[in-house]
Amino acid sequence: MPQLKLPATFFQRPDVLAIARDLLGKHLYTHIDGVITAGRIVETEAYRHEGDHSLTLHLQRKRHQAQGLHVPGGHAYIYTVYNRHALFNIATHDARHPDAVLIRAIEPLIGVKEMLRRRGLAKPVRGLTAGPGVLSQALGITPVLTGQPVTEDIIWFEDHAETVADADVVASARVGLEYAGAEAAGLPWRFRLKDSKWTSPAK
């Protein structure tokens, strides 16, 4: 199977919705503490600096931290919620357009034993990497990696030549954005593989 590491240009396209959709079926890798872990992406969310009040609020509330979005597309942006969960995003487009894609869930494929150890689990379960906080924990992703290129040897993405048909993708409202108002909360910018058992449990 041909495998191609995604270049920075993949993430520097201006359409963050297309990037979020196109990441479905791609493979996310980390090389942390000498261990490689990886999985197939089954769920993402897009965040856009225009027409998305949730991102506007984020840029205001986390002004210092959110400088990590004002970079060329293709860099990691990780922040914590509830002082506990690290959420792994990729900055997209360019420094003047602070857009991002959140990786919400993967199907775990490589380094599952290490994922289990990081999660404190004895055996694989559906929730191992189904949700952005547990996904980051399983892959060893922490906020210290903010600014790290996602095209090198710590975090990277690969194209394994899988074609994901539109009929196999569910687009729906993003999770937990009620605070941003009905319009932002209702934007159908969450993308999931329809038949995957590894997507997050949030509806």
N, C-alpha and C. Protein backbone atom coordinates (compact mmCIF):
# COMPACT_ATOMS: atom_id res chain seq x y z
N MET A 1 0.84 -1.19 0.00
CA MET A 1 0.00 0.00 0.00
C MET A 1 0.88 1.25 0.00
N PRO A 2 0.69 2.15 -0.96
CA PRO A 2 1.49 3.37 -0.97
C PRO A 2 1.17 4.25 0.23
N GLN A 3 2.21 4.82 0.82
CA GLN A 3 2.05 5.67 1.99
C GLN A 3 2.81 6.96 1.74
N LEU A 4 2.14 8.08 1.94
CA LEU A 4 2.73 9.38 1.65
C LEU A 4 2.51 10.30 2.84
N LYS A 5 3.60 10.84 3.38
CA LYS A 5 3.46 11.79 4.48
C LYS A 5 2.84 13.08 3.93
N LEU A 6 1.82 13.58 4.60
CA LEU A 6 1.15 14.79 4.13
C LEU A 6 2.08 15.98 4.28
N PRO A 7 2.22 16.80 3.24
CA PRO A 7 3.09 17.97 3.31
C PRO A 7 2.37 19.16 3.94
N ALA A 8 3.14 20.20 4.25
CA ALA A 8 2.55 21.40 4.84
C ALA A 8 1.50 22.01 3.92
N THR A 9 1.68 21.88 2.62
CA THR A 9 0.73 22.47 1.68
C THR A 9 -0.68 21.89 1.83
N PHE A 10 -0.78 20.66 2.31
CA PHE A 10 -2.10 20.07 2.55
C PHE A 10 -2.88 20.91 3.55
N PHE A 11 -2.17 21.41 4.57
CA PHE A 11 -2.81 22.17 5.66
C PHE A 11 -2.85 23.67 5.38
N GLN A 12 -2.18 24.11 4.35
CA GLN A 12 -2.12 25.54 4.05
C GLN A 12 -3.15 25.97 3.02
N ARG A 13 -4.04 25.06 2.65
CA ARG A 13 -5.15 25.42 1.76
C ARG A 13 -6.11 26.34 2.51
N PRO A 14 -6.82 27.22 1.81
CA PRO A 14 -7.67 28.19 2.50
C PRO A 14 -8.98 27.64 3.04
N ASP A 15 -9.42 26.47 2.59
CA ASP A 15 -10.72 25.94 3.00
C ASP A 15 -10.55 24.93 4.13
N VAL A 16 -10.78 25.39 5.37
CA VAL A 16 -10.58 24.52 6.53
C VAL A 16 -11.62 23.39 6.55
N LEU A 17 -12.80 23.64 5.98
CA LEU A 17 -13.81 22.57 5.94
C LEU A 17 -13.33 21.42 5.06
N ALA A 18 -12.73 21.76 3.93
CA ALA A 18 -12.21 20.72 3.04
C ALA A 18 -11.07 19.95 3.71
N ILE A 19 -10.23 20.65 4.45
CA ILE A 19 -9.12 19.98 5.13
C ILE A 19 -9.66 19.00 6.17
N ALA A 20 -10.64 19.46 6.97
CA ALA A 20 -11.22 18.58 7.99
C ALA A 20 -11.85 17.35 7.35
N ARG A 21 -12.56 17.54 6.27
CA ARG A 21 -13.19 16.42 5.56
C ARG A 21 -12.15 15.50 4.96
N ASP A 22 -11.11 16.08 4.36
CA ASP A 22 -10.09 15.28 3.68
C ASP A 22 -9.21 14.49 4.65
N LEU A 23 -9.18 14.88 5.92
CA LEU A 23 -8.37 14.14 6.90
C LEU A 23 -9.01 12.81 7.29
N LEU A 24 -10.30 12.64 7.02
CA LEU A 24 -10.93 11.35 7.30
C LEU A 24 -10.28 10.27 6.45
N GLY A 25 -9.90 9.18 7.10
CA GLY A 25 -9.22 8.10 6.40
C GLY A 25 -7.72 8.24 6.34
N LYS A 26 -7.19 9.42 6.68
CA LYS A 26 -5.74 9.59 6.78
C LYS A 26 -5.27 8.99 8.10
N HIS A 27 -3.96 8.81 8.23
CA HIS A 27 -3.40 8.18 9.42
C HIS A 27 -2.55 9.19 10.20
N LEU A 28 -2.80 9.27 11.48
CA LEU A 28 -2.08 10.17 12.38
C LEU A 28 -1.05 9.37 13.18
N TYR A 29 0.19 9.86 13.17
CA TYR A 29 1.30 9.20 13.87
C TYR A 29 1.90 10.14 14.91
N THR A 30 2.35 9.55 16.01
CA THR A 30 3.22 10.27 16.95
C THR A 30 4.42 9.39 17.29
N HIS A 31 5.54 10.06 17.55
CA HIS A 31 6.76 9.38 18.00
C HIS A 31 7.20 10.08 19.28
N ILE A 32 6.71 9.57 20.40
CA ILE A 32 6.91 10.19 21.71
C ILE A 32 7.64 9.21 22.62
N ASP A 33 8.70 9.69 23.28
CA ASP A 33 9.48 8.86 24.21
C ASP A 33 9.93 7.56 23.55
N GLY A 34 10.29 7.66 22.28
CA GLY A 34 10.84 6.52 21.57
C GLY A 34 9.82 5.51 21.08
N VAL A 35 8.52 5.81 21.24
CA VAL A 35 7.47 4.86 20.86
C VAL A 35 6.58 5.49 19.78
N ILE A 36 6.34 4.74 18.71
CA ILE A 36 5.43 5.19 17.66
C ILE A 36 4.03 4.66 17.94
N THR A 37 3.06 5.56 17.91
CA THR A 37 1.65 5.18 17.98
C THR A 37 0.94 5.82 16.79
N ALA A 38 -0.11 5.17 16.33
CA ALA A 38 -0.79 5.68 15.13
C ALA A 38 -2.19 5.13 15.03
N GLY A 39 -3.00 5.84 14.26
CA GLY A 39 -4.36 5.38 14.00
C GLY A 39 -4.96 6.09 12.80
N ARG A 40 -6.04 5.53 12.33
CA ARG A 40 -6.78 6.06 11.18
C ARG A 40 -7.82 7.06 11.67
N ILE A 41 -7.82 8.24 11.08
CA ILE A 41 -8.71 9.30 11.54
C ILE A 41 -10.15 9.01 11.11
N VAL A 42 -11.05 9.07 12.10
CA VAL A 42 -12.46 8.77 11.82
C VAL A 42 -13.38 9.93 12.19
N GLU A 43 -12.84 10.97 12.83
CA GLU A 43 -13.70 12.09 13.22
C GLU A 43 -12.87 13.36 13.39
N THR A 44 -13.37 14.47 12.82
CA THR A 44 -12.70 15.76 12.92
C THR A 44 -13.75 16.86 13.11
N GLU A 45 -13.28 18.05 13.48
CA GLU A 45 -14.11 19.24 13.49
C GLU A 45 -13.32 20.40 12.90
N ALA A 46 -14.03 21.27 12.18
CA ALA A 46 -13.40 22.45 11.59
C ALA A 46 -13.77 23.69 12.39
N TYR A 47 -12.80 24.61 12.50
CA TYR A 47 -13.02 25.90 13.17
C TYR A 47 -12.46 26.99 12.27
N ARG A 48 -13.29 27.99 12.00
CA ARG A 48 -12.91 29.02 11.04
C ARG A 48 -12.99 30.41 11.68
N HIS A 49 -12.03 31.25 11.37
CA HIS A 49 -11.97 32.57 12.01
C HIS A 49 -13.07 33.49 11.51
N GLU A 50 -13.69 33.18 10.41
CA GLU A 50 -14.80 33.98 9.87
C GLU A 50 -16.09 33.19 9.98
N GLY A 51 -17.13 33.84 10.54
CA GLY A 51 -18.43 33.20 10.61
C GLY A 51 -18.55 32.10 11.64
N ASP A 52 -17.66 32.07 12.61
CA ASP A 52 -17.66 31.02 13.63
C ASP A 52 -17.41 31.67 14.99
N HIS A 53 -18.50 31.97 15.71
CA HIS A 53 -18.37 32.71 16.97
C HIS A 53 -17.63 31.90 18.03
N SER A 54 -17.65 30.58 17.92
CA SER A 54 -16.92 29.77 18.91
C SER A 54 -15.42 30.03 18.82
N LEU A 55 -14.89 30.15 17.61
CA LEU A 55 -13.47 30.43 17.47
C LEU A 55 -13.17 31.88 17.85
N THR A 56 -14.08 32.79 17.53
CA THR A 56 -13.90 34.18 17.94
C THR A 56 -13.76 34.28 19.46
N LEU A 57 -14.63 33.58 20.18
CA LEU A 57 -14.55 33.58 21.65
C LEU A 57 -13.27 32.93 22.14
N HIS A 58 -12.85 31.86 21.49
CA HIS A 58 -11.61 31.19 21.89
C HIS A 58 -10.42 32.13 21.73
N LEU A 59 -10.37 32.83 20.61
CA LEU A 59 -9.26 33.76 20.37
C LEU A 59 -9.25 34.89 21.39
N GLN A 60 -10.42 35.28 21.88
CA GLN A 60 -10.51 36.33 22.89
C GLN A 60 -10.15 35.82 24.28
N ARG A 61 -10.68 34.67 24.65
CA ARG A 61 -10.51 34.14 26.01
C ARG A 61 -9.12 33.58 26.24
N LYS A 62 -8.53 33.02 25.22
CA LYS A 62 -7.20 32.43 25.34
C LYS A 62 -6.23 33.20 24.45
N ARG A 63 -6.25 34.51 24.62
CA ARG A 63 -5.52 35.38 23.69
C ARG A 63 -4.04 35.03 23.58
N HIS A 64 -3.40 34.82 24.73
CA HIS A 64 -1.97 34.51 24.70
C HIS A 64 -1.73 33.14 24.08
N GLN A 65 -2.46 32.15 24.59
CA GLN A 65 -2.28 30.78 24.09
C GLN A 65 -2.64 30.67 22.62
N ALA A 66 -3.68 31.41 22.21
CA ALA A 66 -4.17 31.31 20.84
C ALA A 66 -3.24 31.92 19.82
N GLN A 67 -2.14 32.53 20.26
CA GLN A 67 -1.14 32.96 19.30
C GLN A 67 -0.59 31.77 18.52
N GLY A 68 -0.76 30.57 19.11
CA GLY A 68 -0.34 29.36 18.43
C GLY A 68 -1.11 29.06 17.17
N LEU A 69 -2.22 29.79 16.94
CA LEU A 69 -2.96 29.63 15.70
C LEU A 69 -2.51 30.60 14.61
N HIS A 70 -1.79 31.63 15.00
CA HIS A 70 -1.33 32.64 14.03
C HIS A 70 0.01 32.21 13.45
N VAL A 71 -0.01 31.09 12.77
CA VAL A 71 1.20 30.49 12.20
C VAL A 71 0.84 29.93 10.82
N PRO A 72 1.82 29.64 10.00
CA PRO A 72 1.50 28.96 8.75
C PRO A 72 0.82 27.62 9.01
N GLY A 73 -0.10 27.24 8.17
CA GLY A 73 -0.78 25.96 8.34
C GLY A 73 0.20 24.81 8.42
N GLY A 74 -0.16 23.82 9.25
CA GLY A 74 0.70 22.65 9.39
C GLY A 74 1.46 22.59 10.69
N HIS A 75 0.99 23.33 11.72
CA HIS A 75 1.60 23.29 13.04
C HIS A 75 0.58 22.84 14.08
N ALA A 76 1.06 22.14 15.09
CA ALA A 76 0.18 21.66 16.15
C ALA A 76 -0.25 22.81 17.05
N TYR A 77 -1.50 22.75 17.48
CA TYR A 77 -2.04 23.70 18.45
C TYR A 77 -2.81 22.88 19.47
N ILE A 78 -2.30 22.82 20.70
CA ILE A 78 -2.90 22.00 21.75
C ILE A 78 -3.22 22.87 22.94
N TYR A 79 -4.45 22.79 23.40
CA TYR A 79 -4.83 23.53 24.60
C TYR A 79 -5.63 22.59 25.51
N THR A 80 -5.76 22.97 26.77
CA THR A 80 -6.45 22.12 27.73
C THR A 80 -7.82 22.68 28.07
N VAL A 81 -8.74 21.79 28.38
CA VAL A 81 -10.05 22.16 28.89
C VAL A 81 -10.26 21.46 30.22
N TYR A 82 -10.95 22.14 31.12
CA TYR A 82 -11.20 21.62 32.48
C TYR A 82 -9.90 21.30 33.21
N ASN A 83 -8.81 21.97 32.82
CA ASN A 83 -7.50 21.75 33.44
C ASN A 83 -7.07 20.28 33.38
N ARG A 84 -7.56 19.59 32.38
CA ARG A 84 -7.31 18.15 32.34
C ARG A 84 -7.07 17.61 30.94
N HIS A 85 -8.01 17.89 30.02
CA HIS A 85 -7.97 17.27 28.70
C HIS A 85 -7.22 18.15 27.69
N ALA A 86 -6.23 17.57 27.04
CA ALA A 86 -5.49 18.27 25.99
C ALA A 86 -6.16 17.98 24.65
N LEU A 87 -6.49 19.04 23.92
CA LEU A 87 -7.16 18.88 22.63
C LEU A 87 -6.18 19.20 21.51
N PHE A 88 -6.01 18.26 20.59
CA PHE A 88 -5.03 18.37 19.52
C PHE A 88 -5.67 18.94 18.26
N ASN A 89 -5.21 20.12 17.88
CA ASN A 89 -5.65 20.79 16.66
C ASN A 89 -4.46 20.99 15.73
N ILE A 90 -4.78 21.20 14.46
CA ILE A 90 -3.76 21.60 13.49
C ILE A 90 -4.14 22.97 12.96
N ALA A 91 -3.24 23.94 13.10
CA ALA A 91 -3.45 25.24 12.49
C ALA A 91 -3.44 25.08 10.97
N THR A 92 -4.38 25.76 10.30
CA THR A 92 -4.47 25.65 8.85
C THR A 92 -4.38 27.04 8.22
N HIS A 93 -4.34 27.06 6.89
CA HIS A 93 -4.25 28.28 6.10
C HIS A 93 -2.93 29.00 6.40
N ASP A 94 -3.00 30.24 6.94
CA ASP A 94 -1.76 30.98 7.18
C ASP A 94 -1.88 31.80 8.46
N ALA A 95 -0.84 32.55 8.77
CA ALA A 95 -0.79 33.28 10.04
C ALA A 95 -1.86 34.35 10.15
N ARG A 96 -2.36 34.86 9.03
CA ARG A 96 -3.39 35.89 9.06
C ARG A 96 -4.80 35.32 9.17
N HIS A 97 -4.93 34.02 9.03
CA HIS A 97 -6.24 33.36 9.07
C HIS A 97 -6.16 32.21 10.09
N PRO A 98 -6.46 32.48 11.36
CA PRO A 98 -6.29 31.47 12.41
C PRO A 98 -7.38 30.41 12.41
N ASP A 99 -7.37 29.57 11.39
CA ASP A 99 -8.31 28.45 11.30
C ASP A 99 -7.65 27.20 11.88
N ALA A 100 -8.48 26.19 12.18
CA ALA A 100 -7.93 24.98 12.78
C ALA A 100 -8.85 23.79 12.55
N VAL A 101 -8.24 22.61 12.59
CA VAL A 101 -8.99 21.35 12.58
C VAL A 101 -8.67 20.61 13.88
N LEU A 102 -9.72 20.22 14.58
CA LEU A 102 -9.60 19.40 15.79
C LEU A 102 -9.73 17.93 15.40
N ILE A 103 -8.78 17.11 15.84
CA ILE A 103 -8.89 15.67 15.63
C ILE A 103 -9.66 15.09 16.81
N ARG A 104 -10.84 14.54 16.53
CA ARG A 104 -11.71 14.07 17.61
C ARG A 104 -11.57 12.57 17.90
N ALA A 105 -11.26 11.76 16.89
CA ALA A 105 -11.19 10.31 17.14
C ALA A 105 -10.39 9.63 16.05
N ILE A 106 -9.73 8.54 16.45
CA ILE A 106 -9.02 7.69 15.50
C ILE A 106 -9.34 6.22 15.80
N GLU A 107 -9.14 5.40 14.81
CA GLU A 107 -9.15 3.95 15.00
C GLU A 107 -7.72 3.53 15.33
N PRO A 108 -7.45 3.03 16.54
CA PRO A 108 -6.07 2.73 16.93
C PRO A 108 -5.51 1.54 16.17
N LEU A 109 -4.29 1.71 15.63
CA LEU A 109 -3.71 0.66 14.79
C LEU A 109 -2.31 0.26 15.20
N ILE A 110 -1.47 1.21 15.57
CA ILE A 110 -0.06 0.93 15.88
C ILE A 110 0.25 1.42 17.29
N GLY A 111 0.96 0.59 18.06
CA GLY A 111 1.34 0.98 19.42
C GLY A 111 0.18 0.93 20.40
N VAL A 112 -0.75 0.02 20.17
CA VAL A 112 -1.94 -0.05 21.02
C VAL A 112 -1.56 -0.35 22.47
N LYS A 113 -0.55 -1.17 22.68
CA LYS A 113 -0.13 -1.48 24.05
C LYS A 113 0.32 -0.22 24.79
N GLU A 114 1.04 0.66 24.09
CA GLU A 114 1.47 1.91 24.70
C GLU A 114 0.28 2.84 24.93
N MET A 115 -0.68 2.86 23.99
CA MET A 115 -1.88 3.65 24.20
C MET A 115 -2.61 3.22 25.46
N LEU A 116 -2.73 1.92 25.65
CA LEU A 116 -3.39 1.39 26.84
C LEU A 116 -2.65 1.81 28.11
N ARG A 117 -1.33 1.73 28.06
CA ARG A 117 -0.54 2.12 29.24
C ARG A 117 -0.77 3.59 29.56
N ARG A 118 -0.73 4.44 28.55
CA ARG A 118 -0.94 5.88 28.78
C ARG A 118 -2.33 6.18 29.31
N ARG A 119 -3.30 5.40 28.88
CA ARG A 119 -4.68 5.60 29.32
C ARG A 119 -4.98 4.90 30.63
N GLY A 120 -4.09 4.02 31.09
CA GLY A 120 -4.34 3.27 32.32
C GLY A 120 -5.40 2.20 32.15
N LEU A 121 -5.45 1.60 30.96
CA LEU A 121 -6.44 0.57 30.65
C LEU A 121 -5.76 -0.78 30.50
N ALA A 122 -6.50 -1.84 30.79
CA ALA A 122 -5.93 -3.18 30.71
C ALA A 122 -6.11 -3.81 29.34
N LYS A 123 -7.17 -3.43 28.62
CA LYS A 123 -7.41 -4.03 27.32
C LYS A 123 -8.12 -3.01 26.43
N PRO A 124 -8.02 -3.19 25.10
CA PRO A 124 -8.64 -2.23 24.19
C PRO A 124 -10.15 -2.13 24.41
N VAL A 125 -10.65 -0.92 24.40
CA VAL A 125 -12.08 -0.66 24.49
C VAL A 125 -12.43 0.38 23.43
N ARG A 126 -13.70 0.50 23.15
CA ARG A 126 -14.14 1.44 22.12
C ARG A 126 -13.69 2.86 22.42
N GLY A 127 -13.66 3.22 23.69
CA GLY A 127 -13.32 4.58 24.08
C GLY A 127 -11.83 4.86 24.16
N LEU A 128 -10.98 3.94 23.72
CA LEU A 128 -9.54 4.13 23.84
C LEU A 128 -9.08 5.43 23.19
N THR A 129 -9.56 5.71 22.00
CA THR A 129 -9.16 6.92 21.27
C THR A 129 -10.38 7.63 20.69
N ALA A 130 -11.55 7.43 21.28
CA ALA A 130 -12.80 8.00 20.78
C ALA A 130 -13.17 9.24 21.59
N GLY A 131 -12.64 10.36 21.19
CA GLY A 131 -12.84 11.63 21.89
C GLY A 131 -11.52 12.37 21.93
N PRO A 132 -11.53 13.68 21.77
CA PRO A 132 -10.27 14.41 21.61
C PRO A 132 -9.34 14.37 22.81
N GLY A 133 -9.90 14.35 24.02
CA GLY A 133 -9.04 14.31 25.20
C GLY A 133 -8.35 12.98 25.37
N VAL A 134 -9.10 11.89 25.25
CA VAL A 134 -8.50 10.56 25.42
C VAL A 134 -7.59 10.22 24.25
N LEU A 135 -7.92 10.73 23.06
CA LEU A 135 -7.05 10.53 21.90
C LEU A 135 -5.67 11.12 22.16
N SER A 136 -5.63 12.36 22.64
CA SER A 136 -4.34 13.00 22.93
C SER A 136 -3.57 12.23 23.98
N GLN A 137 -4.26 11.78 25.03
CA GLN A 137 -3.60 11.01 26.07
C GLN A 137 -3.00 9.72 25.51
N ALA A 138 -3.76 9.02 24.69
CA ALA A 138 -3.29 7.75 24.13
C ALA A 138 -2.08 7.95 23.21
N LEU A 139 -2.06 9.06 22.49
CA LEU A 139 -0.97 9.32 21.55
C LEU A 139 0.20 10.06 22.19
N GLY A 140 0.08 10.43 23.46
CA GLY A 140 1.16 11.13 24.14
C GLY A 140 1.27 12.59 23.77
N ILE A 141 0.18 13.18 23.29
CA ILE A 141 0.18 14.58 22.85
C ILE A 141 -0.16 15.49 24.02
N THR A 142 0.69 16.47 24.29
CA THR A 142 0.49 17.42 25.38
C THR A 142 0.70 18.84 24.85
N PRO A 143 0.27 19.86 25.62
CA PRO A 143 0.41 21.24 25.14
C PRO A 143 1.84 21.67 24.85
N VAL A 144 2.83 20.99 25.40
CA VAL A 144 4.22 21.35 25.13
C VAL A 144 4.55 21.20 23.64
N LEU A 145 3.74 20.44 22.92
CA LEU A 145 3.98 20.22 21.49
C LEU A 145 3.34 21.30 20.61
N THR A 146 2.66 22.27 21.21
CA THR A 146 2.12 23.38 20.42
C THR A 146 3.25 24.05 19.64
N GLY A 147 3.01 24.30 18.37
CA GLY A 147 4.02 24.90 17.50
C GLY A 147 4.86 23.89 16.76
N GLN A 148 4.74 22.62 17.14
CA GLN A 148 5.50 21.57 16.47
C GLN A 148 4.93 21.35 15.06
N PRO A 149 5.77 21.35 14.02
CA PRO A 149 5.25 21.01 12.69
C PRO A 149 4.65 19.61 12.68
N VAL A 150 3.58 19.43 11.97
CA VAL A 150 2.95 18.10 11.89
C VAL A 150 3.39 17.39 10.61
N THR A 151 4.58 17.75 10.15
CA THR A 151 5.11 17.19 8.90
C THR A 151 6.51 16.60 9.12
N GLU A 152 6.90 16.45 10.38
CA GLU A 152 8.26 15.97 10.66
C GLU A 152 8.21 14.61 11.34
N ASP A 153 8.99 14.41 12.40
CA ASP A 153 9.14 13.07 12.95
C ASP A 153 8.63 12.90 14.37
N ILE A 154 7.89 13.90 14.88
CA ILE A 154 7.25 13.76 16.19
C ILE A 154 5.75 13.56 16.02
N ILE A 155 5.14 14.41 15.23
CA ILE A 155 3.74 14.26 14.83
C ILE A 155 3.68 14.37 13.31
N TRP A 156 3.00 13.43 12.68
CA TRP A 156 2.83 13.54 11.24
C TRP A 156 1.59 12.76 10.80
N PHE A 157 1.19 13.03 9.56
CA PHE A 157 0.03 12.39 8.96
C PHE A 157 0.47 11.67 7.70
N GLU A 158 -0.17 10.55 7.41
CA GLU A 158 0.11 9.81 6.18
C GLU A 158 -1.17 9.54 5.40
N ASP A 159 -1.03 9.56 4.08
CA ASP A 159 -2.09 9.19 3.15
C ASP A 159 -1.82 7.75 2.72
N HIS A 160 -2.72 6.85 3.08
CA HIS A 160 -2.56 5.44 2.72
C HIS A 160 -3.43 5.07 1.52
N ALA A 161 -3.73 6.07 0.71
CA ALA A 161 -4.45 5.87 -0.55
C ALA A 161 -5.86 5.34 -0.36
N GLU A 162 -6.47 5.68 0.78
CA GLU A 162 -7.87 5.32 1.01
C GLU A 162 -8.77 6.42 0.44
N THR A 163 -9.76 6.03 -0.33
CA THR A 163 -10.75 6.97 -0.83
C THR A 163 -12.00 6.90 0.04
N VAL A 164 -12.38 8.04 0.60
CA VAL A 164 -13.57 8.11 1.46
C VAL A 164 -14.68 8.79 0.66
N ALA A 165 -15.71 8.05 0.34
CA ALA A 165 -16.82 8.57 -0.45
C ALA A 165 -17.69 9.50 0.40
N ASP A 166 -18.30 10.48 -0.25
CA ASP A 166 -19.18 11.41 0.47
C ASP A 166 -20.31 10.66 1.18
N ALA A 167 -20.76 9.57 0.60
CA ALA A 167 -21.85 8.80 1.20
C ALA A 167 -21.44 8.15 2.52
N ASP A 168 -20.14 8.05 2.76
CA ASP A 168 -19.64 7.42 3.98
C ASP A 168 -19.31 8.43 5.07
N VAL A 169 -19.62 9.71 4.83
CA VAL A 169 -19.29 10.78 5.77
C VAL A 169 -20.58 11.39 6.34
N VAL A 170 -20.60 11.56 7.65
CA VAL A 170 -21.70 12.26 8.31
C VAL A 170 -21.20 13.64 8.73
N ALA A 171 -21.90 14.68 8.30
CA ALA A 171 -21.60 16.05 8.73
C ALA A 171 -22.68 16.48 9.71
N SER A 172 -22.27 16.97 10.87
CA SER A 172 -23.24 17.34 11.89
C SER A 172 -22.69 18.49 12.72
N ALA A 173 -23.49 18.94 13.68
CA ALA A 173 -23.06 20.03 14.55
C ALA A 173 -21.89 19.59 15.42
N ARG A 174 -21.01 20.53 15.73
CA ARG A 174 -19.87 20.24 16.58
C ARG A 174 -20.31 20.06 18.03
N VAL A 175 -19.40 19.57 18.85
CA VAL A 175 -19.76 19.15 20.21
C VAL A 175 -19.45 20.25 21.23
N GLY A 176 -20.41 20.50 22.12
CA GLY A 176 -20.16 21.34 23.29
C GLY A 176 -20.01 22.82 23.03
N LEU A 177 -20.67 23.35 22.01
CA LEU A 177 -20.49 24.76 21.66
C LEU A 177 -21.72 25.61 21.95
N GLU A 178 -22.62 25.14 22.80
CA GLU A 178 -23.83 25.89 23.10
C GLU A 178 -23.51 27.28 23.63
N TYR A 179 -22.40 27.42 24.35
CA TYR A 179 -22.01 28.72 24.93
C TYR A 179 -21.77 29.78 23.85
N ALA A 180 -21.48 29.34 22.63
CA ALA A 180 -21.14 30.27 21.55
C ALA A 180 -22.37 30.77 20.79
N GLY A 181 -23.55 30.31 21.18
CA GLY A 181 -24.76 30.74 20.51
C GLY A 181 -25.27 29.70 19.52
N ALA A 182 -26.54 29.82 19.19
CA ALA A 182 -27.20 28.81 18.37
C ALA A 182 -26.59 28.69 16.97
N GLU A 183 -26.20 29.83 16.39
CA GLU A 183 -25.67 29.79 15.03
C GLU A 183 -24.37 28.99 14.97
N ALA A 184 -23.42 29.32 15.84
CA ALA A 184 -22.14 28.61 15.86
C ALA A 184 -22.34 27.15 16.25
N ALA A 185 -23.20 26.91 17.24
CA ALA A 185 -23.41 25.54 17.71
C ALA A 185 -24.04 24.67 16.63
N GLY A 186 -24.78 25.29 15.71
CA GLY A 186 -25.47 24.51 14.70
C GLY A 186 -24.72 24.28 13.41
N LEU A 187 -23.56 24.90 13.27
CA LEU A 187 -22.80 24.73 12.02
C LEU A 187 -22.42 23.26 11.84
N PRO A 188 -22.68 22.67 10.67
CA PRO A 188 -22.41 21.24 10.46
C PRO A 188 -20.95 20.98 10.08
N TRP A 189 -20.05 21.32 11.00
CA TRP A 189 -18.63 21.25 10.70
C TRP A 189 -17.91 20.13 11.46
N ARG A 190 -18.67 19.17 11.92
CA ARG A 190 -18.11 17.95 12.49
C ARG A 190 -18.26 16.85 11.45
N PHE A 191 -17.17 16.17 11.15
CA PHE A 191 -17.17 15.16 10.10
C PHE A 191 -16.79 13.81 10.68
N ARG A 192 -17.61 12.78 10.39
CA ARG A 192 -17.38 11.44 10.92
C ARG A 192 -17.54 10.39 9.84
N LEU A 193 -16.77 9.31 9.96
CA LEU A 193 -17.00 8.15 9.11
C LEU A 193 -18.23 7.42 9.63
N LYS A 194 -19.20 7.23 8.76
CA LYS A 194 -20.53 6.79 9.17
C LYS A 194 -20.53 5.45 9.89
N ASP A 195 -19.77 4.50 9.41
CA ASP A 195 -19.86 3.14 9.94
C ASP A 195 -18.73 2.78 10.91
N SER A 196 -17.95 3.78 11.34
CA SER A 196 -16.85 3.47 12.24
C SER A 196 -17.34 3.33 13.68
N LYS A 197 -16.86 2.31 14.37
CA LYS A 197 -17.20 2.12 15.78
C LYS A 197 -16.29 2.94 16.69
N TRP A 198 -15.33 3.65 16.07
CA TRP A 198 -14.32 4.36 16.86
C TRP A 198 -14.61 5.85 17.00
N THR A 199 -15.71 6.34 16.43
CA THR A 199 -16.04 7.76 16.59
C THR A 199 -16.44 8.02 18.03
N SER A 200 -16.38 9.29 18.44
CA SER A 200 -16.64 9.63 19.83
C SER A 200 -18.12 9.45 20.14
N PRO A 201 -18.46 9.18 21.41
CA PRO A 201 -19.85 8.91 21.77
C PRO A 201 -20.74 10.13 21.75
N ALA A 202 -20.16 11.34 21.71
CA ALA A 202 -20.98 12.55 21.72
C ALA A 202 -21.86 12.60 20.48
N LYS A 203 -23.11 12.98 20.66
CA LYS A 203 -24.06 13.05 19.55
C LYS A 203 -24.12 14.46 18.99
